[in-house]
Amino acid sequence: MNNANYIDQLIKWAIDNNVPEPNFDDLEKEGLTSLSHFMSYGGGFPRNRYDLENNMYVLRLDNCDISYLPSAIGNLSKLKRIDLRDNQLTKLPNEICDLENLEILSIADNDILALPTNIINLKKLRMFMFNGNENLELTPTQEKWIVKFKSKEKYG
């Protein structure tokens, strides 16, 4: 998918699902720049093409009342952290497994039924918070893989 198409798809998804834009006013009051917002604070989904292509290191969509993520999310290759806590998700797109730089993923307190098969290939993933998904069913391979995230330090 070329850049314009995936960015258009992501922006349309954010608008259609009433996902808020990041609030820069609070950051500016604290003397932080919008770039630091994307690099370390998250907080909504930007509508700016440049930010989506170049500055998306953190995607914080907790409590946004979303029921799905578009497959185009897998094109945000710089993402290191995704926070999807407290939504209405029942699955993750397979393309989330394309995020080679992903280090932290929180899907806590959704209703995820199954994980993408290839999630075990996220080599840089060091923290995975999945508590509160009462109906989550894992494959035997995923059960072995997920054990490393069950310690208090990594499970949250």
C-alpha atoms as a PDB file:
ATOM      1  CA  MET A   1       0.000   0.000   0.000  1.00  0.00           C
ATOM      2  CA  ASN A   2       1.505   3.346  -0.910  1.00  0.00           C
ATOM      3  CA  ASN A   3       1.975   6.053   1.730  1.00  0.00           C
ATOM      4  CA  ALA A   4      -0.939   8.247   0.668  1.00  0.00           C
ATOM      5  CA  ASN A   5      -3.390   5.341   0.724  1.00  0.00           C
ATOM      6  CA  TYR A   6      -2.524   4.009   4.172  1.00  0.00           C
ATOM      7  CA  ILE A   7      -2.405   7.483   5.686  1.00  0.00           C
ATOM      8  CA  ASP A   8      -5.778   8.357   4.153  1.00  0.00           C
ATOM      9  CA  GLN A   9      -7.190   5.094   5.488  1.00  0.00           C
ATOM     10  CA  LEU A  10      -5.903   5.772   9.012  1.00  0.00           C
ATOM     11  CA  ILE A  11      -7.170   9.349   9.077  1.00  0.00           C
ATOM     12  CA  LYS A  12     -10.583   8.254   7.762  1.00  0.00           C
ATOM     13  CA  TRP A  13     -10.748   5.535  10.424  1.00  0.00           C
ATOM     14  CA  ALA A  14      -9.911   8.054  13.166  1.00  0.00           C
ATOM     15  CA  ILE A  15     -12.546  10.504  11.966  1.00  0.00           C
ATOM     16  CA  ASP A  16     -15.227   7.845  11.403  1.00  0.00           C
ATOM     17  CA  ASN A  17     -14.650   6.413  14.894  1.00  0.00           C
ATOM     18  CA  ASN A  18     -14.483   9.758  16.715  1.00  0.00           C
ATOM     19  CA  VAL A  19     -10.922   9.116  17.845  1.00  0.00           C
ATOM     20  CA  PRO A  20      -9.695  12.384  19.363  1.00  0.00           C
ATOM     21  CA  GLU A  21      -6.717  14.290  18.056  1.00  0.00           C
ATOM     22  CA  PRO A  22      -3.785  14.720  20.447  1.00  0.00           C
ATOM     23  CA  ASN A  23      -4.217  17.705  22.749  1.00  0.00           C
ATOM     24  CA  PHE A  24      -1.152  19.902  22.348  1.00  0.00           C
ATOM     25  CA  ASP A  25      -2.391  22.742  24.566  1.00  0.00           C
ATOM     26  CA  ASP A  26      -1.574  20.902  27.793  1.00  0.00           C
ATOM     27  CA  LEU A  27       1.883  20.043  26.502  1.00  0.00           C
ATOM     28  CA  GLU A  28       2.657  23.611  25.527  1.00  0.00           C
ATOM     29  CA  LYS A  29       1.698  24.774  29.029  1.00  0.00           C
ATOM     30  CA  GLU A  30       4.321  22.356  30.343  1.00  0.00           C
ATOM     31  CA  GLY A  31       6.907  23.615  27.842  1.00  0.00           C
ATOM     32  CA  LEU A  32       6.846  20.470  25.698  1.00  0.00           C
ATOM     33  CA  THR A  33       6.724  20.399  21.908  1.00  0.00           C
ATOM     34  CA  SER A  34       4.310  18.487  19.723  1.00  0.00           C
ATOM     35  CA  LEU A  35       7.221  16.296  18.647  1.00  0.00           C
ATOM     36  CA  SER A  36       7.826  15.211  22.247  1.00  0.00           C
ATOM     37  CA  HIS A  37       4.116  14.437  22.425  1.00  0.00           C
ATOM     38  CA  PHE A  38       4.424  11.829  19.698  1.00  0.00           C
ATOM     39  CA  MET A  39       7.759  10.569  20.873  1.00  0.00           C
ATOM     40  CA  SER A  40       6.816  10.010  24.487  1.00  0.00           C
ATOM     41  CA  TYR A  41       3.284  10.988  25.444  1.00  0.00           C
ATOM     42  CA  GLY A  42       0.770   9.684  22.895  1.00  0.00           C
ATOM     43  CA  GLY A  43      -2.830  10.785  23.476  1.00  0.00           C
ATOM     44  CA  GLY A  44      -5.088  10.509  20.411  1.00  0.00           C
ATOM     45  CA  PHE A  45      -4.617  10.064  16.710  1.00  0.00           C
ATOM     46  CA  PRO A  46      -3.032  12.862  14.640  1.00  0.00           C
ATOM     47  CA  ARG A  47      -4.534  13.993  11.363  1.00  0.00           C
ATOM     48  CA  ASN A  48      -1.240  15.425  10.114  1.00  0.00           C
ATOM     49  CA  ARG A  49       0.407  13.359   7.370  1.00  0.00           C
ATOM     50  CA  TYR A  50       3.927  14.373   8.358  1.00  0.00           C
ATOM     51  CA  ASP A  51       3.390  13.264  11.958  1.00  0.00           C
ATOM     52  CA  LEU A  52       1.892   9.958  10.860  1.00  0.00           C
ATOM     53  CA  GLU A  53       4.826   9.178   8.600  1.00  0.00           C
ATOM     54  CA  ASN A  54       7.680  10.535  10.704  1.00  0.00           C
ATOM     55  CA  ASN A  55       6.814  11.107  14.356  1.00  0.00           C
ATOM     56  CA  MET A  56       4.632   8.208  15.448  1.00  0.00           C
ATOM     57  CA  TYR A  57       6.562   6.401  18.156  1.00  0.00           C
ATOM     58  CA  VAL A  58       3.718   6.202  20.670  1.00  0.00           C
ATOM     59  CA  LEU A  59       0.068   5.605  19.894  1.00  0.00           C
ATOM     60  CA  ARG A  60      -2.151   6.055  22.918  1.00  0.00           C
ATOM     61  CA  LEU A  61      -5.762   5.172  22.231  1.00  0.00           C
ATOM     62  CA  ASP A  62      -6.912   4.079  25.680  1.00  0.00           C
ATOM     63  CA  ASN A  63     -10.575   4.759  26.491  1.00  0.00           C
ATOM     64  CA  CYS A  64     -11.397   5.854  22.935  1.00  0.00           C
ATOM     65  CA  ASP A  65     -14.409   3.533  22.571  1.00  0.00           C
ATOM     66  CA  ILE A  66     -12.965   1.889  19.453  1.00  0.00           C
ATOM     67  CA  SER A  67     -14.162  -1.520  18.327  1.00  0.00           C
ATOM     68  CA  TYR A  68     -11.502  -2.247  15.708  1.00  0.00           C
ATOM     69  CA  LEU A  69      -8.149  -1.128  14.347  1.00  0.00           C
ATOM     70  CA  PRO A  70      -7.619  -0.791  10.603  1.00  0.00           C
ATOM     71  CA  SER A  71      -5.058  -3.051   8.947  1.00  0.00           C
ATOM     72  CA  ALA A  72      -3.160   0.068   7.854  1.00  0.00           C
ATOM     73  CA  ILE A  73      -1.881   0.354  11.446  1.00  0.00           C
ATOM     74  CA  GLY A  74       0.827  -2.093  10.377  1.00  0.00           C
ATOM     75  CA  ASN A  75       2.366   0.623   8.186  1.00  0.00           C
ATOM     76  CA  LEU A  76       3.285   2.843  11.153  1.00  0.00           C
ATOM     77  CA  SER A  77       6.691   1.196  11.248  1.00  0.00           C
ATOM     78  CA  LYS A  78       8.240   3.533  13.832  1.00  0.00           C
ATOM     79  CA  LEU A  79       5.727   2.670  16.549  1.00  0.00           C
ATOM     80  CA  LYS A  80       7.378   1.514  19.752  1.00  0.00           C
ATOM     81  CA  ARG A  81       4.366   1.640  22.040  1.00  0.00           C
ATOM     82  CA  ILE A  82       0.638   1.109  21.509  1.00  0.00           C
ATOM     83  CA  ASP A  83      -1.865   1.579  24.314  1.00  0.00           C
ATOM     84  CA  LEU A  84      -5.306   0.191  23.496  1.00  0.00           C
ATOM     85  CA  ARG A  85      -6.589  -0.287  27.047  1.00  0.00           C
ATOM     86  CA  ASP A  86     -10.265   0.004  27.904  1.00  0.00           C
ATOM     87  CA  ASN A  87     -11.840  -0.179  24.469  1.00  0.00           C
ATOM     88  CA  GLN A  88     -14.266  -2.587  22.803  1.00  0.00           C
ATOM     89  CA  LEU A  89     -11.767  -4.537  20.729  1.00  0.00           C
ATOM     90  CA  THR A  90     -12.484  -8.196  20.017  1.00  0.00           C
ATOM     91  CA  LYS A  91      -9.464  -8.761  17.779  1.00  0.00           C
ATOM     92  CA  LEU A  92      -6.268  -7.166  16.546  1.00  0.00           C
ATOM     93  CA  PRO A  93      -5.444  -6.899  12.853  1.00  0.00           C
ATOM     94  CA  ASN A  94      -2.808  -9.359  11.661  1.00  0.00           C
ATOM     95  CA  GLU A  95      -0.827  -6.374  10.382  1.00  0.00           C
ATOM     96  CA  ILE A  96       0.024  -5.352  13.950  1.00  0.00           C
ATOM     97  CA  CYS A  97       2.601  -8.127  13.686  1.00  0.00           C
ATOM     98  CA  ASP A  98       4.400  -6.082  11.004  1.00  0.00           C
ATOM     99  CA  LEU A  99       5.456  -3.498  13.600  1.00  0.00           C
ATOM    100  CA  GLU A 100       9.056  -4.650  13.983  1.00  0.00           C
ATOM    101  CA  ASN A 101       9.955  -1.846  16.420  1.00  0.00           C
ATOM    102  CA  LEU A 102       7.050  -2.452  18.805  1.00  0.00           C
ATOM    103  CA  GLU A 103       8.315  -2.745  22.388  1.00  0.00           C
ATOM    104  CA  ILE A 104       5.170  -2.189  24.476  1.00  0.00           C
ATOM    105  CA  LEU A 105       1.630  -3.290  23.676  1.00  0.00           C
ATOM    106  CA  SER A 106      -1.334  -2.921  26.007  1.00  0.00           C
ATOM    107  CA  ILE A 107      -4.642  -4.493  25.069  1.00  0.00           C
ATOM    108  CA  ALA A 108      -5.848  -4.746  28.673  1.00  0.00           C
ATOM    109  CA  ASP A 109      -9.552  -4.557  29.474  1.00  0.00           C
ATOM    110  CA  ASN A 110     -10.998  -5.260  26.047  1.00  0.00           C
ATOM    111  CA  ASP A 111     -12.745  -8.417  24.873  1.00  0.00           C
ATOM    112  CA  ILE A 112     -10.002  -9.818  22.642  1.00  0.00           C
ATOM    113  CA  LEU A 113     -10.946 -13.359  21.677  1.00  0.00           C
ATOM    114  CA  ALA A 114      -7.725 -14.413  19.942  1.00  0.00           C
ATOM    115  CA  LEU A 115      -4.330 -12.939  19.097  1.00  0.00           C
ATOM    116  CA  PRO A 116      -2.885 -12.816  15.594  1.00  0.00           C
ATOM    117  CA  THR A 117      -0.890 -15.993  15.010  1.00  0.00           C
ATOM    118  CA  ASN A 118       2.333 -14.137  14.218  1.00  0.00           C
ATOM    119  CA  ILE A 119       2.317 -11.982  17.345  1.00  0.00           C
ATOM    120  CA  ILE A 120       5.001 -14.287  18.699  1.00  0.00           C
ATOM    121  CA  ASN A 121       7.339 -12.892  15.999  1.00  0.00           C
ATOM    122  CA  LEU A 122       7.415  -9.404  17.556  1.00  0.00           C
ATOM    123  CA  LYS A 123      11.049  -9.744  18.595  1.00  0.00           C
ATOM    124  CA  LYS A 124      11.413  -6.356  20.312  1.00  0.00           C
ATOM    125  CA  LEU A 125       8.232  -6.697  22.366  1.00  0.00           C
ATOM    126  CA  ARG A 126       9.309  -6.511  26.014  1.00  0.00           C
ATOM    127  CA  MET A 127       6.040  -5.587  27.709  1.00  0.00           C
ATOM    128  CA  PHE A 128       2.621  -6.996  26.819  1.00  0.00           C
ATOM    129  CA  MET A 129      -0.353  -6.151  29.014  1.00  0.00           C
ATOM    130  CA  PHE A 130      -3.351  -8.315  28.210  1.00  0.00           C
ATOM    131  CA  ASN A 131      -5.203  -8.684  31.518  1.00  0.00           C
ATOM    132  CA  GLY A 132      -8.961  -8.164  31.483  1.00  0.00           C
ATOM    133  CA  ASN A 133      -9.576 -10.105  28.255  1.00  0.00           C
ATOM    134  CA  GLU A 134     -11.570 -12.846  29.908  1.00  0.00           C
ATOM    135  CA  ASN A 135     -12.397 -14.734  26.695  1.00  0.00           C
ATOM    136  CA  LEU A 136      -8.899 -14.686  25.210  1.00  0.00           C
ATOM    137  CA  GLU A 137      -7.962 -18.068  23.750  1.00  0.00           C
ATOM    138  CA  LEU A 138      -4.334 -18.750  22.929  1.00  0.00           C
ATOM    139  CA  THR A 139      -2.761 -21.313  20.660  1.00  0.00           C
ATOM    140  CA  PRO A 140      -0.310 -23.689  22.369  1.00  0.00           C
ATOM    141  CA  THR A 141       2.594 -21.746  20.830  1.00  0.00           C
ATOM    142  CA  GLN A 142       1.175 -18.442  22.098  1.00  0.00           C
ATOM    143  CA  GLU A 143       0.700 -19.944  25.578  1.00  0.00           C
ATOM    144  CA  LYS A 144       4.420 -20.749  25.725  1.00  0.00           C
ATOM    145  CA  TRP A 145       5.354 -17.314  24.341  1.00  0.00           C
ATOM    146  CA  ILE A 146       3.090 -15.312  26.647  1.00  0.00           C
ATOM    147  CA  VAL A 147       4.594 -16.773  29.827  1.00  0.00           C
ATOM    148  CA  LYS A 148       7.456 -14.259  29.665  1.00  0.00           C
ATOM    149  CA  PHE A 149       4.940 -11.412  30.041  1.00  0.00           C
ATOM    150  CA  LYS A 150       3.187 -12.781  33.111  1.00  0.00           C
ATOM    151  CA  SER A 151       5.620 -11.476  35.725  1.00  0.00           C
ATOM    152  CA  LYS A 152       4.480  -8.472  37.767  1.00  0.00           C
ATOM    153  CA  GLU A 153       7.043  -6.238  36.065  1.00  0.00           C
ATOM    154  CA  LYS A 154       5.846  -7.047  32.563  1.00  0.00           C
ATOM    155  CA  TYR A 155       2.184  -7.875  33.010  1.00  0.00           C
ATOM    156  CA  GLY A 156       0.930  -4.698  34.636  1.00  0.00           C
END
